[in-house]
N, C-alpha and C. Protein backbone atom coordinates (compact mmCIF):
# COMPACT_ATOMS: atom_id res chain seq x y z
N MET A 1 22.50 -0.68 -19.84
CA MET A 1 21.52 0.06 -19.09
C MET A 1 21.27 -0.62 -17.75
N GLU A 2 21.25 -1.94 -17.75
CA GLU A 2 21.04 -2.65 -16.50
C GLU A 2 22.23 -2.47 -15.57
N ASN A 3 23.42 -2.41 -16.14
CA ASN A 3 24.62 -2.18 -15.35
C ASN A 3 24.59 -0.80 -14.70
N ASN A 4 24.01 0.17 -15.37
CA ASN A 4 23.91 1.52 -14.84
C ASN A 4 22.99 1.55 -13.62
N ARG A 5 21.92 0.75 -13.64
CA ARG A 5 20.99 0.68 -12.50
C ARG A 5 21.67 0.06 -11.28
N LYS A 6 22.49 -0.96 -11.50
CA LYS A 6 23.20 -1.59 -10.40
C LYS A 6 24.16 -0.59 -9.75
N ASP A 7 24.86 0.18 -10.56
CA ASP A 7 25.79 1.18 -10.04
C ASP A 7 25.04 2.24 -9.25
N ASP A 8 23.88 2.66 -9.79
CA ASP A 8 23.06 3.68 -9.12
C ASP A 8 22.56 3.16 -7.77
N THR A 9 22.15 1.90 -7.69
CA THR A 9 21.68 1.32 -6.44
C THR A 9 22.82 1.21 -5.44
N LYS A 10 23.99 0.81 -5.89
CA LYS A 10 25.14 0.72 -5.01
C LYS A 10 25.50 2.09 -4.44
N VAL A 11 25.44 3.11 -5.26
CA VAL A 11 25.76 4.46 -4.81
C VAL A 11 24.73 4.92 -3.77
N ARG A 12 23.47 4.63 -4.00
CA ARG A 12 22.43 5.03 -3.04
C ARG A 12 22.59 4.31 -1.71
N ILE A 13 22.88 3.02 -1.74
CA ILE A 13 23.08 2.26 -0.50
C ILE A 13 24.31 2.78 0.24
N PHE A 14 25.39 3.00 -0.49
CA PHE A 14 26.61 3.51 0.11
C PHE A 14 26.37 4.90 0.72
N SER A 15 25.65 5.75 0.02
CA SER A 15 25.34 7.09 0.54
C SER A 15 24.48 7.01 1.80
N PHE A 16 23.52 6.09 1.82
CA PHE A 16 22.67 5.91 3.00
C PHE A 16 23.49 5.48 4.21
N ILE A 17 24.39 4.52 4.00
CA ILE A 17 25.21 4.03 5.11
C ILE A 17 26.12 5.14 5.63
N ILE A 18 26.73 5.88 4.74
CA ILE A 18 27.59 7.00 5.15
C ILE A 18 26.77 8.04 5.90
N GLY A 19 25.57 8.33 5.43
CA GLY A 19 24.70 9.30 6.11
C GLY A 19 24.32 8.86 7.51
N VAL A 20 24.01 7.58 7.67
CA VAL A 20 23.66 7.07 9.00
C VAL A 20 24.87 7.17 9.93
N LEU A 21 26.03 6.82 9.46
CA LEU A 21 27.23 6.91 10.29
C LEU A 21 27.55 8.35 10.69
N VAL A 22 27.45 9.27 9.74
CA VAL A 22 27.71 10.68 10.04
C VAL A 22 26.68 11.20 11.05
N GLY A 23 25.42 10.83 10.87
CA GLY A 23 24.39 11.26 11.81
C GLY A 23 24.63 10.72 13.21
N ALA A 24 25.07 9.47 13.30
CA ALA A 24 25.36 8.88 14.61
C ALA A 24 26.53 9.60 15.28
N ILE A 25 27.53 9.95 14.51
CA ILE A 25 28.68 10.66 15.07
C ILE A 25 28.28 12.03 15.57
N ILE A 26 27.46 12.74 14.79
CA ILE A 26 27.02 14.08 15.18
C ILE A 26 26.15 14.02 16.44
N SER A 27 25.21 13.09 16.49
CA SER A 27 24.33 13.01 17.66
C SER A 27 25.09 12.58 18.90
N THR A 28 26.04 11.66 18.76
CA THR A 28 26.85 11.25 19.90
C THR A 28 27.71 12.40 20.41
N SER A 29 28.29 13.16 19.51
CA SER A 29 29.09 14.31 19.90
C SER A 29 28.25 15.34 20.63
N ALA A 30 27.05 15.61 20.13
CA ALA A 30 26.17 16.58 20.78
C ALA A 30 25.77 16.08 22.17
N PHE A 31 25.51 14.79 22.32
CA PHE A 31 25.16 14.23 23.62
C PHE A 31 26.31 14.37 24.61
N ILE A 32 27.51 14.05 24.19
CA ILE A 32 28.68 14.13 25.07
C ILE A 32 28.93 15.58 25.49
N ILE A 33 28.80 16.50 24.56
CA ILE A 33 28.99 17.91 24.88
C ILE A 33 27.93 18.38 25.87
N SER A 34 26.68 18.01 25.65
CA SER A 34 25.62 18.46 26.56
C SER A 34 25.79 17.86 27.95
N VAL A 35 26.22 16.59 28.04
CA VAL A 35 26.46 15.97 29.35
C VAL A 35 27.59 16.69 30.07
N ASN A 36 28.63 17.03 29.36
CA ASN A 36 29.74 17.74 29.99
C ASN A 36 29.33 19.13 30.45
N VAL A 37 28.54 19.82 29.68
CA VAL A 37 28.10 21.16 30.06
C VAL A 37 27.15 21.08 31.25
N LEU A 38 26.18 20.16 31.22
CA LEU A 38 25.25 20.03 32.34
C LEU A 38 25.95 19.51 33.58
N GLY A 39 26.92 18.63 33.41
CA GLY A 39 27.67 18.12 34.54
C GLY A 39 28.48 19.21 35.21
N ALA A 40 29.04 20.14 34.44
CA ALA A 40 29.79 21.25 35.01
C ALA A 40 28.86 22.19 35.76
N ASN A 41 27.64 22.38 35.27
CA ASN A 41 26.69 23.25 35.96
C ASN A 41 26.24 22.63 37.28
N ASN A 42 26.01 21.33 37.33
CA ASN A 42 25.58 20.67 38.55
C ASN A 42 26.68 20.67 39.60
N SER A 43 27.92 20.46 39.21
CA SER A 43 29.00 20.42 40.18
C SER A 43 29.31 21.82 40.70
N SER A 44 29.00 22.86 39.97
CA SER A 44 29.25 24.22 40.45
C SER A 44 28.28 24.60 41.55
N ASN A 45 27.14 23.92 41.68
CA ASN A 45 26.19 24.21 42.74
C ASN A 45 26.65 23.65 44.08
N GLY A 46 27.60 22.73 44.10
CA GLY A 46 28.09 22.17 45.33
C GLY A 46 27.33 20.94 45.79
N GLN A 47 26.23 20.61 45.15
CA GLN A 47 25.43 19.45 45.51
C GLN A 47 25.04 18.72 44.24
N SER A 48 24.85 17.42 44.38
CA SER A 48 24.28 16.71 43.25
C SER A 48 22.77 16.85 43.32
N SER A 49 22.09 16.68 42.22
CA SER A 49 20.65 16.85 42.18
C SER A 49 19.93 15.78 42.99
N GLN A 50 20.57 14.65 43.26
CA GLN A 50 19.93 13.58 44.00
C GLN A 50 19.91 13.83 45.50
N MET A 51 20.83 14.60 46.02
CA MET A 51 20.94 14.78 47.46
C MET A 51 20.35 16.11 47.93
N GLN A 52 19.58 16.80 47.15
CA GLN A 52 19.05 18.09 47.55
C GLN A 52 17.96 17.98 48.60
N GLY A 53 17.34 16.81 48.76
CA GLY A 53 16.23 16.66 49.67
C GLY A 53 16.63 16.39 51.11
N GLY A 54 17.87 16.21 51.45
CA GLY A 54 18.28 15.95 52.82
C GLY A 54 18.93 14.59 52.96
N THR A 55 18.61 13.90 54.07
CA THR A 55 19.25 12.62 54.35
C THR A 55 18.57 11.49 53.59
N PRO A 56 19.32 10.46 53.24
CA PRO A 56 18.71 9.32 52.55
C PRO A 56 17.86 8.51 53.52
N PRO A 57 16.88 7.76 53.04
CA PRO A 57 16.02 6.97 53.92
C PRO A 57 16.80 5.84 54.59
N GLU A 58 16.33 5.42 55.76
CA GLU A 58 16.98 4.33 56.48
C GLU A 58 16.40 3.00 56.04
N MET A 59 17.20 1.94 56.22
CA MET A 59 16.75 0.60 55.89
C MET A 59 15.79 0.12 56.96
N PRO A 60 14.67 -0.49 56.61
CA PRO A 60 13.74 -0.96 57.63
C PRO A 60 14.35 -2.08 58.46
N SER A 61 14.00 -2.13 59.74
CA SER A 61 14.55 -3.17 60.60
C SER A 61 13.43 -4.08 61.08
N GLY A 62 13.79 -5.33 61.34
CA GLY A 62 12.83 -6.31 61.84
C GLY A 62 12.89 -6.35 63.36
N GLU A 63 12.69 -7.52 63.92
CA GLU A 63 12.71 -7.69 65.36
C GLU A 63 14.13 -7.57 65.89
N ASN A 64 14.29 -6.97 67.08
CA ASN A 64 15.57 -6.82 67.78
C ASN A 64 16.62 -6.11 66.93
N GLY A 65 16.21 -5.22 66.07
CA GLY A 65 17.16 -4.47 65.26
C GLY A 65 17.77 -5.24 64.12
N GLN A 66 17.35 -6.48 63.92
CA GLN A 66 17.87 -7.30 62.82
C GLN A 66 17.16 -6.94 61.53
N PRO A 67 17.80 -7.10 60.40
CA PRO A 67 17.10 -6.84 59.13
C PRO A 67 15.96 -7.83 58.95
N PRO A 68 14.90 -7.42 58.26
CA PRO A 68 13.77 -8.32 58.06
C PRO A 68 14.18 -9.55 57.27
N ALA A 69 13.50 -10.67 57.54
CA ALA A 69 13.82 -11.92 56.86
C ALA A 69 13.38 -11.85 55.41
N LYS A 70 14.13 -12.51 54.56
CA LYS A 70 13.77 -12.58 53.14
C LYS A 70 12.58 -13.49 52.97
N PRO A 71 11.78 -13.29 51.95
CA PRO A 71 10.66 -14.20 51.72
C PRO A 71 11.16 -15.63 51.56
N GLY A 72 10.49 -16.58 52.25
CA GLY A 72 10.88 -17.98 52.14
C GLY A 72 11.86 -18.41 53.21
N GLU A 73 12.35 -17.46 54.03
CA GLU A 73 13.27 -17.80 55.10
C GLU A 73 12.55 -17.72 56.43
N GLY A 74 13.00 -18.48 57.42
CA GLY A 74 12.45 -18.39 58.76
C GLY A 74 11.06 -18.98 58.83
N ASN A 75 10.27 -18.49 59.76
CA ASN A 75 8.91 -19.01 59.95
C ASN A 75 7.98 -18.42 58.92
N ASN A 76 7.17 -19.26 58.32
CA ASN A 76 6.14 -18.76 57.44
C ASN A 76 4.79 -19.09 58.03
N GLN A 77 3.73 -18.69 57.41
CA GLN A 77 2.41 -18.84 57.99
C GLN A 77 1.95 -20.30 58.04
N ASN A 78 2.53 -21.18 57.31
CA ASN A 78 2.14 -22.59 57.31
C ASN A 78 2.81 -23.37 58.43
N GLY A 79 3.75 -22.77 59.14
CA GLY A 79 4.45 -23.47 60.20
C GLY A 79 5.63 -24.26 59.71
N ASN A 80 5.92 -24.26 58.43
CA ASN A 80 7.08 -24.97 57.88
C ASN A 80 8.26 -24.04 57.86
N GLU A 81 9.41 -24.54 58.22
CA GLU A 81 10.61 -23.72 58.13
C GLU A 81 11.42 -24.17 56.92
N SER A 82 12.03 -23.19 56.26
CA SER A 82 12.81 -23.49 55.06
C SER A 82 14.22 -23.83 55.44
């Protein structure tokens, strides 16, 4: 009788693992299919969804058209240079 319980527990664990694997395969397949379908719809519009607003923003410039200094570089408020 005790041997029967061990077999029953093994079957339940094995069934659980198989169920989790099958569920993962099904959900991954559904995700891939939906990405492919949505990707085909976005490319048929001629634009990506990120570029619908116009031109991208420009990078801020510091003095004389140079990029701004990184924190800790150049002159700081204490008068110490790094």
